[in-house]
Amino acid sequence: MARPKTITDEHLLDAAFTVLGQVGPGFTLAQIARGAEVSVGTVAGRFGSKLGLLAALTERTTTRVVAGMRAARAAAPDPVAAVRAAAVATFAELGDADSAANHLRNLGVDLSDPKLTELLGQHMAALEVELRAAIQAAELPAAPPPELAARVLFSLVNGASIDWSIRPAGSLADRLGADTDAVLNAWRRG
Protein backbone atom coordinates (compact mmCIF):
# COMPACT_ATOMS: atom_id res chain seq x y z
CA MET A 1 0.00 0.00 0.00
CA ALA A 2 1.29 3.46 -0.91
CA ARG A 3 2.08 5.89 1.87
CA PRO A 4 -0.23 8.89 2.12
CA LYS A 5 1.06 12.09 0.56
CA THR A 6 1.97 14.36 3.49
CA ILE A 7 4.01 16.88 1.50
CA THR A 8 1.79 18.83 -0.86
CA ASP A 9 2.69 19.90 -4.38
CA GLU A 10 2.02 23.44 -3.18
CA HIS A 11 4.76 23.11 -0.53
CA LEU A 12 7.23 21.84 -3.12
CA LEU A 13 6.29 24.59 -5.58
CA ASP A 14 6.68 27.22 -2.86
CA ALA A 15 10.19 25.92 -2.25
CA ALA A 16 10.91 25.89 -6.00
CA PHE A 17 9.72 29.49 -6.37
CA THR A 18 11.94 30.59 -3.48
CA VAL A 19 15.01 28.71 -4.72
CA LEU A 20 14.53 29.94 -8.28
CA GLY A 21 14.46 33.50 -6.92
CA GLN A 22 17.67 32.85 -4.98
CA VAL A 23 19.65 30.84 -7.54
CA GLY A 24 18.13 31.44 -10.97
CA PRO A 25 17.77 28.89 -13.75
CA GLY A 26 20.81 26.88 -12.65
CA PHE A 27 18.94 25.50 -9.64
CA THR A 28 18.96 21.77 -8.92
CA LEU A 29 16.31 19.42 -7.62
CA ALA A 30 18.59 18.90 -4.61
CA GLN A 31 18.32 22.62 -3.79
CA ILE A 32 14.54 22.44 -4.08
CA ALA A 33 14.49 19.37 -1.84
CA ARG A 34 16.62 21.18 0.77
CA GLY A 35 14.33 24.20 0.61
CA ALA A 36 11.28 22.00 1.07
CA GLU A 37 13.01 19.85 3.69
CA VAL A 38 12.30 16.66 1.75
CA SER A 39 14.36 14.13 -0.16
CA VAL A 40 15.36 14.65 -3.77
CA GLY A 41 13.34 11.53 -4.52
CA THR A 42 10.20 13.26 -3.26
CA VAL A 43 10.69 16.16 -5.65
CA ALA A 44 11.70 13.95 -8.58
CA GLY A 45 8.90 11.50 -7.88
CA ARG A 46 6.32 14.24 -7.85
CA PHE A 47 7.44 16.19 -10.92
CA GLY A 48 9.67 13.75 -12.82
CA SER A 49 12.40 16.23 -13.71
CA LYS A 50 13.49 19.83 -13.50
CA LEU A 51 11.41 20.59 -16.60
CA GLY A 52 8.39 18.91 -15.04
CA LEU A 53 8.83 21.04 -11.96
CA LEU A 54 9.14 24.20 -14.07
CA ALA A 55 6.00 23.27 -16.00
CA ALA A 56 4.03 22.85 -12.78
CA LEU A 57 5.47 26.10 -11.44
CA THR A 58 4.45 27.97 -14.61
CA GLU A 59 0.91 26.63 -14.42
CA ARG A 60 0.63 27.64 -10.76
CA THR A 61 2.11 31.05 -11.48
CA THR A 62 -0.47 31.69 -14.19
CA THR A 63 -3.31 30.89 -11.81
CA ARG A 64 -1.83 33.09 -9.08
CA VAL A 65 -1.04 36.05 -11.30
CA VAL A 66 -4.51 36.04 -12.91
CA ALA A 67 -6.08 35.98 -9.43
CA GLY A 68 -3.76 38.80 -8.33
CA MET A 69 -4.66 40.89 -11.35
CA ARG A 70 -8.38 40.39 -10.71
CA ALA A 71 -8.00 41.30 -7.04
CA ALA A 72 -5.99 44.41 -7.93
CA ARG A 73 -8.63 45.49 -10.42
CA ALA A 74 -11.44 44.94 -7.93
CA ALA A 75 -9.65 47.04 -5.28
CA ALA A 76 -8.99 49.96 -7.62
CA PRO A 77 -11.05 53.13 -7.14
CA ASP A 78 -12.01 53.54 -10.81
CA PRO A 79 -11.72 51.68 -14.15
CA VAL A 80 -8.55 53.46 -15.34
CA ALA A 81 -6.86 52.81 -12.00
CA ALA A 82 -7.97 49.19 -12.42
CA VAL A 83 -6.01 48.94 -15.69
CA ARG A 84 -2.93 50.30 -13.93
CA ALA A 85 -3.40 47.95 -10.97
CA ALA A 86 -3.77 44.91 -13.24
CA ALA A 87 -0.64 45.86 -15.19
CA VAL A 88 1.43 46.34 -12.04
CA ALA A 89 0.12 43.05 -10.61
CA THR A 90 1.59 41.01 -13.48
CA PHE A 91 4.97 40.82 -11.73
CA ALA A 92 3.92 41.51 -8.13
CA GLU A 93 5.24 38.19 -6.78
CA LEU A 94 8.83 38.52 -7.99
CA GLY A 95 10.24 40.31 -4.99
CA ASP A 96 13.41 42.37 -4.84
CA ALA A 97 15.75 43.09 -7.73
CA ASP A 98 17.93 40.00 -7.27
CA SER A 99 14.99 37.63 -6.93
CA ALA A 100 13.15 39.20 -9.86
CA ALA A 101 16.26 39.02 -12.02
CA ASN A 102 16.72 35.34 -11.22
CA HIS A 103 13.08 34.59 -12.04
CA LEU A 104 13.27 36.56 -15.27
CA ARG A 105 16.51 34.81 -16.28
CA ASN A 106 14.53 31.60 -16.40
CA LEU A 107 12.92 32.98 -19.57
CA GLY A 108 15.89 31.52 -21.46
CA VAL A 109 15.05 28.05 -20.13
CA ASP A 110 11.38 28.54 -20.98
CA LEU A 111 12.23 29.48 -24.54
CA SER A 112 14.60 26.54 -25.01
CA ASP A 113 12.00 23.86 -24.25
CA PRO A 114 8.87 23.43 -26.43
CA LYS A 115 6.61 22.40 -23.51
CA LEU A 116 7.74 25.33 -21.35
CA THR A 117 7.43 27.72 -24.31
CA GLU A 118 3.86 26.53 -24.85
CA LEU A 119 3.04 27.06 -21.17
CA LEU A 120 4.66 30.50 -21.24
CA GLY A 121 2.50 31.37 -24.25
CA GLN A 122 -0.60 30.26 -22.34
CA HIS A 123 0.55 32.33 -19.36
CA MET A 124 1.01 35.42 -21.50
CA ALA A 125 -2.34 34.93 -23.24
CA ALA A 126 -4.14 34.62 -19.88
CA LEU A 127 -2.57 37.84 -18.62
CA GLU A 128 -3.43 39.66 -21.84
CA VAL A 129 -7.06 38.54 -21.43
CA GLU A 130 -7.09 40.13 -17.97
CA LEU A 131 -5.60 43.36 -19.27
CA ARG A 132 -8.08 43.40 -22.15
CA ALA A 133 -10.99 43.06 -19.71
CA ALA A 134 -9.63 45.94 -17.65
CA ILE A 135 -9.14 48.12 -20.73
CA GLN A 136 -12.64 47.37 -22.03
CA ALA A 137 -14.09 48.60 -18.72
CA ALA A 138 -12.08 51.84 -18.79
CA GLU A 139 -12.86 54.94 -20.81
CA LEU A 140 -9.71 55.51 -22.84
CA PRO A 141 -10.77 57.45 -25.94
CA ALA A 142 -7.34 57.52 -27.60
CA ALA A 143 -6.53 53.86 -26.95
CA PRO A 144 -6.35 51.38 -29.80
CA PRO A 145 -8.91 48.56 -29.84
CA PRO A 146 -8.83 46.62 -26.53
CA GLU A 147 -7.06 43.56 -27.97
CA LEU A 148 -4.24 45.68 -29.39
CA ALA A 149 -4.14 47.95 -26.34
CA ALA A 150 -3.78 44.91 -24.05
CA ARG A 151 -0.93 43.55 -26.20
CA VAL A 152 0.83 46.93 -26.21
CA LEU A 153 0.44 47.37 -22.46
CA PHE A 154 1.55 43.82 -21.74
CA SER A 155 4.60 44.28 -23.98
CA LEU A 156 5.45 47.46 -22.09
CA VAL A 157 5.14 45.70 -18.73
CA ASN A 158 7.27 42.75 -19.89
CA GLY A 159 9.97 44.97 -21.36
CA ALA A 160 10.04 47.28 -18.34
CA SER A 161 10.32 44.35 -15.93
CA ILE A 162 13.26 42.86 -17.82
CA ASP A 163 14.96 46.25 -18.06
CA TRP A 164 14.38 46.85 -14.33
CA SER A 165 15.79 43.43 -13.42
CA ILE A 166 19.02 44.33 -15.25
CA ARG A 167 19.17 47.95 -14.09
CA PRO A 168 17.06 48.15 -10.93
CA ALA A 169 16.18 51.55 -9.58
CA GLY A 170 13.42 51.86 -7.00
CA SER A 171 10.84 49.10 -6.85
CA LEU A 172 9.55 47.10 -9.80
CA ALA A 173 5.98 48.09 -8.90
CA ASP A 174 6.92 51.78 -9.01
CA ARG A 175 8.60 51.34 -12.40
CA LEU A 176 5.64 49.44 -13.85
CA GLY A 177 3.22 51.98 -12.42
CA ALA A 178 5.10 54.95 -13.87
CA ASP A 179 5.46 53.37 -17.31
CA THR A 180 1.82 52.27 -17.34
CA ASP A 181 0.70 55.76 -16.25
CA ALA A 182 2.53 57.29 -19.22
CA VAL A 183 0.58 55.11 -21.65
CA LEU A 184 -2.77 55.46 -19.86
CA ASN A 185 -2.44 59.25 -19.66
CA ALA A 186 -1.86 59.40 -23.42
CA TRP A 187 -4.83 57.09 -24.05
CA ARG A 188 -7.12 59.19 -21.81
CA ARG A 189 -6.52 62.44 -23.64
CA GLY A 190 -8.42 61.43 -26.74
C-alpha atoms as a PDB file:
ATOM      1  CA  MET A   1       0.000   0.000   0.000  1.00  0.00           C
ATOM      2  CA  ALA A   2       1.291   3.455  -0.907  1.00  0.00           C
ATOM      3  CA  ARG A   3       2.076   5.889   1.869  1.00  0.00           C
ATOM      4  CA  PRO A   4      -0.231   8.886   2.121  1.00  0.00           C
ATOM      5  CA  LYS A   5       1.058  12.085   0.562  1.00  0.00           C
ATOM      6  CA  THR A   6       1.974  14.361   3.488  1.00  0.00           C
ATOM      7  CA  ILE A   7       4.015  16.877   1.498  1.00  0.00           C
ATOM      8  CA  THR A   8       1.790  18.829  -0.861  1.00  0.00           C
ATOM      9  CA  ASP A   9       2.685  19.902  -4.379  1.00  0.00           C
ATOM     10  CA  GLU A  10       2.022  23.439  -3.176  1.00  0.00           C
ATOM     11  CA  HIS A  11       4.764  23.110  -0.527  1.00  0.00           C
ATOM     12  CA  LEU A  12       7.229  21.836  -3.119  1.00  0.00           C
ATOM     13  CA  LEU A  13       6.291  24.585  -5.580  1.00  0.00           C
ATOM     14  CA  ASP A  14       6.683  27.225  -2.862  1.00  0.00           C
ATOM     15  CA  ALA A  15      10.192  25.921  -2.245  1.00  0.00           C
ATOM     16  CA  ALA A  16      10.909  25.886  -5.996  1.00  0.00           C
ATOM     17  CA  PHE A  17       9.722  29.488  -6.367  1.00  0.00           C
ATOM     18  CA  THR A  18      11.935  30.594  -3.480  1.00  0.00           C
ATOM     19  CA  VAL A  19      15.006  28.707  -4.716  1.00  0.00           C
ATOM     20  CA  LEU A  20      14.532  29.936  -8.278  1.00  0.00           C
ATOM     21  CA  GLY A  21      14.463  33.495  -6.920  1.00  0.00           C
ATOM     22  CA  GLN A  22      17.671  32.852  -4.978  1.00  0.00           C
ATOM     23  CA  VAL A  23      19.646  30.844  -7.541  1.00  0.00           C
ATOM     24  CA  GLY A  24      18.134  31.439 -10.965  1.00  0.00           C
ATOM     25  CA  PRO A  25      17.771  28.885 -13.751  1.00  0.00           C
ATOM     26  CA  GLY A  26      20.806  26.875 -12.646  1.00  0.00           C
ATOM     27  CA  PHE A  27      18.937  25.503  -9.642  1.00  0.00           C
ATOM     28  CA  THR A  28      18.956  21.768  -8.920  1.00  0.00           C
ATOM     29  CA  LEU A  29      16.313  19.420  -7.616  1.00  0.00           C
ATOM     30  CA  ALA A  30      18.588  18.904  -4.606  1.00  0.00           C
ATOM     31  CA  GLN A  31      18.317  22.618  -3.787  1.00  0.00           C
ATOM     32  CA  ILE A  32      14.537  22.440  -4.076  1.00  0.00           C
ATOM     33  CA  ALA A  33      14.491  19.373  -1.838  1.00  0.00           C
ATOM     34  CA  ARG A  34      16.618  21.175   0.769  1.00  0.00           C
ATOM     35  CA  GLY A  35      14.331  24.196   0.611  1.00  0.00           C
ATOM     36  CA  ALA A  36      11.279  22.001   1.071  1.00  0.00           C
ATOM     37  CA  GLU A  37      13.008  19.850   3.685  1.00  0.00           C
ATOM     38  CA  VAL A  38      12.298  16.661   1.753  1.00  0.00           C
ATOM     39  CA  SER A  39      14.363  14.132  -0.161  1.00  0.00           C
ATOM     40  CA  VAL A  40      15.364  14.649  -3.773  1.00  0.00           C
ATOM     41  CA  GLY A  41      13.338  11.528  -4.516  1.00  0.00           C
ATOM     42  CA  THR A  42      10.197  13.258  -3.265  1.00  0.00           C
ATOM     43  CA  VAL A  43      10.687  16.159  -5.650  1.00  0.00           C
ATOM     44  CA  ALA A  44      11.705  13.953  -8.582  1.00  0.00           C
ATOM     45  CA  GLY A  45       8.902  11.503  -7.878  1.00  0.00           C
ATOM     46  CA  ARG A  46       6.325  14.244  -7.848  1.00  0.00           C
ATOM     47  CA  PHE A  47       7.444  16.193 -10.924  1.00  0.00           C
ATOM     48  CA  GLY A  48       9.670  13.753 -12.817  1.00  0.00           C
ATOM     49  CA  SER A  49      12.396  16.228 -13.709  1.00  0.00           C
ATOM     50  CA  LYS A  50      13.493  19.833 -13.497  1.00  0.00           C
ATOM     51  CA  LEU A  51      11.407  20.589 -16.601  1.00  0.00           C
ATOM     52  CA  GLY A  52       8.386  18.907 -15.041  1.00  0.00           C
ATOM     53  CA  LEU A  53       8.832  21.042 -11.962  1.00  0.00           C
ATOM     54  CA  LEU A  54       9.143  24.205 -14.067  1.00  0.00           C
ATOM     55  CA  ALA A  55       6.000  23.272 -15.997  1.00  0.00           C
ATOM     56  CA  ALA A  56       4.028  22.851 -12.777  1.00  0.00           C
ATOM     57  CA  LEU A  57       5.468  26.100 -11.435  1.00  0.00           C
ATOM     58  CA  THR A  58       4.451  27.967 -14.606  1.00  0.00           C
ATOM     59  CA  GLU A  59       0.908  26.632 -14.418  1.00  0.00           C
ATOM     60  CA  ARG A  60       0.625  27.639 -10.764  1.00  0.00           C
ATOM     61  CA  THR A  61       2.108  31.055 -11.480  1.00  0.00           C
ATOM     62  CA  THR A  62      -0.473  31.691 -14.188  1.00  0.00           C
ATOM     63  CA  THR A  63      -3.309  30.893 -11.805  1.00  0.00           C
ATOM     64  CA  ARG A  64      -1.830  33.089  -9.076  1.00  0.00           C
ATOM     65  CA  VAL A  65      -1.043  36.049 -11.301  1.00  0.00           C
ATOM     66  CA  VAL A  66      -4.507  36.039 -12.905  1.00  0.00           C
ATOM     67  CA  ALA A  67      -6.079  35.978  -9.428  1.00  0.00           C
ATOM     68  CA  GLY A  68      -3.764  38.799  -8.327  1.00  0.00           C
ATOM     69  CA  MET A  69      -4.664  40.892 -11.354  1.00  0.00           C
ATOM     70  CA  ARG A  70      -8.383  40.390 -10.709  1.00  0.00           C
ATOM     71  CA  ALA A  71      -8.005  41.304  -7.040  1.00  0.00           C
ATOM     72  CA  ALA A  72      -5.987  44.406  -7.931  1.00  0.00           C
ATOM     73  CA  ARG A  73      -8.634  45.493 -10.424  1.00  0.00           C
ATOM     74  CA  ALA A  74     -11.436  44.936  -7.926  1.00  0.00           C
ATOM     75  CA  ALA A  75      -9.653  47.036  -5.283  1.00  0.00           C
ATOM     76  CA  ALA A  76      -8.991  49.962  -7.623  1.00  0.00           C
ATOM     77  CA  PRO A  77     -11.051  53.129  -7.141  1.00  0.00           C
ATOM     78  CA  ASP A  78     -12.005  53.543 -10.814  1.00  0.00           C
ATOM     79  CA  PRO A  79     -11.716  51.678 -14.155  1.00  0.00           C
ATOM     80  CA  VAL A  80      -8.553  53.456 -15.340  1.00  0.00           C
ATOM     81  CA  ALA A  81      -6.859  52.811 -11.997  1.00  0.00           C
ATOM     82  CA  ALA A  82      -7.970  49.192 -12.419  1.00  0.00           C
ATOM     83  CA  VAL A  83      -6.013  48.939 -15.686  1.00  0.00           C
ATOM     84  CA  ARG A  84      -2.926  50.301 -13.928  1.00  0.00           C
ATOM     85  CA  ALA A  85      -3.401  47.951 -10.973  1.00  0.00           C
ATOM     86  CA  ALA A  86      -3.772  44.915 -13.244  1.00  0.00           C
ATOM     87  CA  ALA A  87      -0.644  45.858 -15.191  1.00  0.00           C
ATOM     88  CA  VAL A  88       1.428  46.339 -12.040  1.00  0.00           C
ATOM     89  CA  ALA A  89       0.123  43.050 -10.608  1.00  0.00           C
ATOM     90  CA  THR A  90       1.587  41.011 -13.484  1.00  0.00           C
ATOM     91  CA  PHE A  91       4.968  40.816 -11.726  1.00  0.00           C
ATOM     92  CA  ALA A  92       3.922  41.505  -8.127  1.00  0.00           C
ATOM     93  CA  GLU A  93       5.237  38.189  -6.782  1.00  0.00           C
ATOM     94  CA  LEU A  94       8.825  38.519  -7.993  1.00  0.00           C
ATOM     95  CA  GLY A  95      10.243  40.312  -4.986  1.00  0.00           C
ATOM     96  CA  ASP A  96      13.414  42.374  -4.841  1.00  0.00           C
ATOM     97  CA  ALA A  97      15.754  43.092  -7.731  1.00  0.00           C
ATOM     98  CA  ASP A  98      17.933  40.004  -7.266  1.00  0.00           C
ATOM     99  CA  SER A  99      14.987  37.630  -6.933  1.00  0.00           C
ATOM    100  CA  ALA A 100      13.148  39.197  -9.864  1.00  0.00           C
ATOM    101  CA  ALA A 101      16.264  39.024 -12.024  1.00  0.00           C
ATOM    102  CA  ASN A 102      16.717  35.341 -11.221  1.00  0.00           C
ATOM    103  CA  HIS A 103      13.077  34.592 -12.043  1.00  0.00           C
ATOM    104  CA  LEU A 104      13.267  36.560 -15.268  1.00  0.00           C
ATOM    105  CA  ARG A 105      16.511  34.811 -16.283  1.00  0.00           C
ATOM    106  CA  ASN A 106      14.534  31.604 -16.404  1.00  0.00           C
ATOM    107  CA  LEU A 107      12.924  32.975 -19.566  1.00  0.00           C
ATOM    108  CA  GLY A 108      15.890  31.522 -21.462  1.00  0.00           C
ATOM    109  CA  VAL A 109      15.052  28.054 -20.133  1.00  0.00           C
ATOM    110  CA  ASP A 110      11.375  28.540 -20.975  1.00  0.00           C
ATOM    111  CA  LEU A 111      12.234  29.481 -24.544  1.00  0.00           C
ATOM    112  CA  SER A 112      14.600  26.542 -25.008  1.00  0.00           C
ATOM    113  CA  ASP A 113      11.999  23.865 -24.255  1.00  0.00           C
ATOM    114  CA  PRO A 114       8.873  23.428 -26.425  1.00  0.00           C
ATOM    115  CA  LYS A 115       6.614  22.401 -23.510  1.00  0.00           C
ATOM    116  CA  LEU A 116       7.743  25.333 -21.353  1.00  0.00           C
ATOM    117  CA  THR A 117       7.427  27.716 -24.311  1.00  0.00           C
ATOM    118  CA  GLU A 118       3.862  26.528 -24.855  1.00  0.00           C
ATOM    119  CA  LEU A 119       3.038  27.061 -21.169  1.00  0.00           C
ATOM    120  CA  LEU A 120       4.658  30.504 -21.239  1.00  0.00           C
ATOM    121  CA  GLY A 121       2.504  31.365 -24.250  1.00  0.00           C
ATOM    122  CA  GLN A 122      -0.598  30.260 -22.341  1.00  0.00           C
ATOM    123  CA  HIS A 123       0.547  32.329 -19.357  1.00  0.00           C
ATOM    124  CA  MET A 124       1.007  35.417 -21.497  1.00  0.00           C
ATOM    125  CA  ALA A 125      -2.336  34.925 -23.238  1.00  0.00           C
ATOM    126  CA  ALA A 126      -4.137  34.618 -19.877  1.00  0.00           C
ATOM    127  CA  LEU A 127      -2.569  37.838 -18.621  1.00  0.00           C
ATOM    128  CA  GLU A 128      -3.429  39.663 -21.843  1.00  0.00           C
ATOM    129  CA  VAL A 129      -7.056  38.544 -21.427  1.00  0.00           C
ATOM    130  CA  GLU A 130      -7.091  40.126 -17.968  1.00  0.00           C
ATOM    131  CA  LEU A 131      -5.598  43.362 -19.272  1.00  0.00           C
ATOM    132  CA  ARG A 132      -8.085  43.401 -22.148  1.00  0.00           C
ATOM    133  CA  ALA A 133     -10.994  43.059 -19.714  1.00  0.00           C
ATOM    134  CA  ALA A 134      -9.634  45.942 -17.648  1.00  0.00           C
ATOM    135  CA  ILE A 135      -9.144  48.119 -20.734  1.00  0.00           C
ATOM    136  CA  GLN A 136     -12.638  47.372 -22.031  1.00  0.00           C
ATOM    137  CA  ALA A 137     -14.094  48.601 -18.721  1.00  0.00           C
ATOM    138  CA  ALA A 138     -12.084  51.843 -18.793  1.00  0.00           C
ATOM    139  CA  GLU A 139     -12.857  54.936 -20.814  1.00  0.00           C
ATOM    140  CA  LEU A 140      -9.706  55.515 -22.839  1.00  0.00           C
ATOM    141  CA  PRO A 141     -10.767  57.450 -25.943  1.00  0.00           C
ATOM    142  CA  ALA A 142      -7.336  57.524 -27.602  1.00  0.00           C
ATOM    143  CA  ALA A 143      -6.533  53.858 -26.948  1.00  0.00           C
ATOM    144  CA  PRO A 144      -6.352  51.380 -29.800  1.00  0.00           C
ATOM    145  CA  PRO A 145      -8.913  48.565 -29.838  1.00  0.00           C
ATOM    146  CA  PRO A 146      -8.830  46.618 -26.534  1.00  0.00           C
ATOM    147  CA  GLU A 147      -7.062  43.562 -27.968  1.00  0.00           C
ATOM    148  CA  LEU A 148      -4.243  45.677 -29.391  1.00  0.00           C
ATOM    149  CA  ALA A 149      -4.144  47.951 -26.339  1.00  0.00           C
ATOM    150  CA  ALA A 150      -3.777  44.914 -24.054  1.00  0.00           C
ATOM    151  CA  ARG A 151      -0.931  43.552 -26.196  1.00  0.00           C
ATOM    152  CA  VAL A 152       0.827  46.931 -26.207  1.00  0.00           C
ATOM    153  CA  LEU A 153       0.440  47.375 -22.458  1.00  0.00           C
ATOM    154  CA  PHE A 154       1.552  43.817 -21.742  1.00  0.00           C
ATOM    155  CA  SER A 155       4.603  44.281 -23.978  1.00  0.00           C
ATOM    156  CA  LEU A 156       5.451  47.460 -22.095  1.00  0.00           C
ATOM    157  CA  VAL A 157       5.142  45.696 -18.727  1.00  0.00           C
ATOM    158  CA  ASN A 158       7.273  42.750 -19.886  1.00  0.00           C
ATOM    159  CA  GLY A 159       9.972  44.968 -21.359  1.00  0.00           C
ATOM    160  CA  ALA A 160      10.035  47.280 -18.343  1.00  0.00           C
ATOM    161  CA  SER A 161      10.322  44.351 -15.933  1.00  0.00           C
ATOM    162  CA  ILE A 162      13.264  42.860 -17.822  1.00  0.00           C
ATOM    163  CA  ASP A 163      14.962  46.253 -18.056  1.00  0.00           C
ATOM    164  CA  TRP A 164      14.376  46.848 -14.332  1.00  0.00           C
ATOM    165  CA  SER A 165      15.792  43.427 -13.422  1.00  0.00           C
ATOM    166  CA  ILE A 166      19.016  44.335 -15.248  1.00  0.00           C
ATOM    167  CA  ARG A 167      19.166  47.953 -14.091  1.00  0.00           C
ATOM    168  CA  PRO A 168      17.057  48.154 -10.929  1.00  0.00           C
ATOM    169  CA  ALA A 169      16.175  51.554  -9.579  1.00  0.00           C
ATOM    170  CA  GLY A 170      13.416  51.863  -7.000  1.00  0.00           C
ATOM    171  CA  SER A 171      10.841  49.101  -6.854  1.00  0.00           C
ATOM    172  CA  LEU A 172       9.553  47.102  -9.797  1.00  0.00           C
ATOM    173  CA  ALA A 173       5.984  48.094  -8.897  1.00  0.00           C
ATOM    174  CA  ASP A 174       6.920  51.785  -9.015  1.00  0.00           C
ATOM    175  CA  ARG A 175       8.601  51.341 -12.399  1.00  0.00           C
ATOM    176  CA  LEU A 176       5.641  49.438 -13.852  1.00  0.00           C
ATOM    177  CA  GLY A 177       3.222  51.977 -12.423  1.00  0.00           C
ATOM    178  CA  ALA A 178       5.095  54.947 -13.869  1.00  0.00           C
ATOM    179  CA  ASP A 179       5.459  53.366 -17.311  1.00  0.00           C
ATOM    180  CA  THR A 180       1.818  52.273 -17.343  1.00  0.00           C
ATOM    181  CA  ASP A 181       0.702  55.761 -16.252  1.00  0.00           C
ATOM    182  CA  ALA A 182       2.530  57.289 -19.219  1.00  0.00           C
ATOM    183  CA  VAL A 183       0.580  55.110 -21.646  1.00  0.00           C
ATOM    184  CA  LEU A 184      -2.772  55.465 -19.860  1.00  0.00           C
ATOM    185  CA  ASN A 185      -2.442  59.251 -19.661  1.00  0.00           C
ATOM    186  CA  ALA A 186      -1.859  59.395 -23.422  1.00  0.00           C
ATOM    187  CA  TRP A 187      -4.828  57.086 -24.048  1.00  0.00           C
ATOM    188  CA  ARG A 188      -7.116  59.192 -21.806  1.00  0.00           C
ATOM    189  CA  ARG A 189      -6.522  62.439 -23.644  1.00  0.00           C
ATOM    190  CA  GLY A 190      -8.421  61.434 -26.738  1.00  0.00           C
END
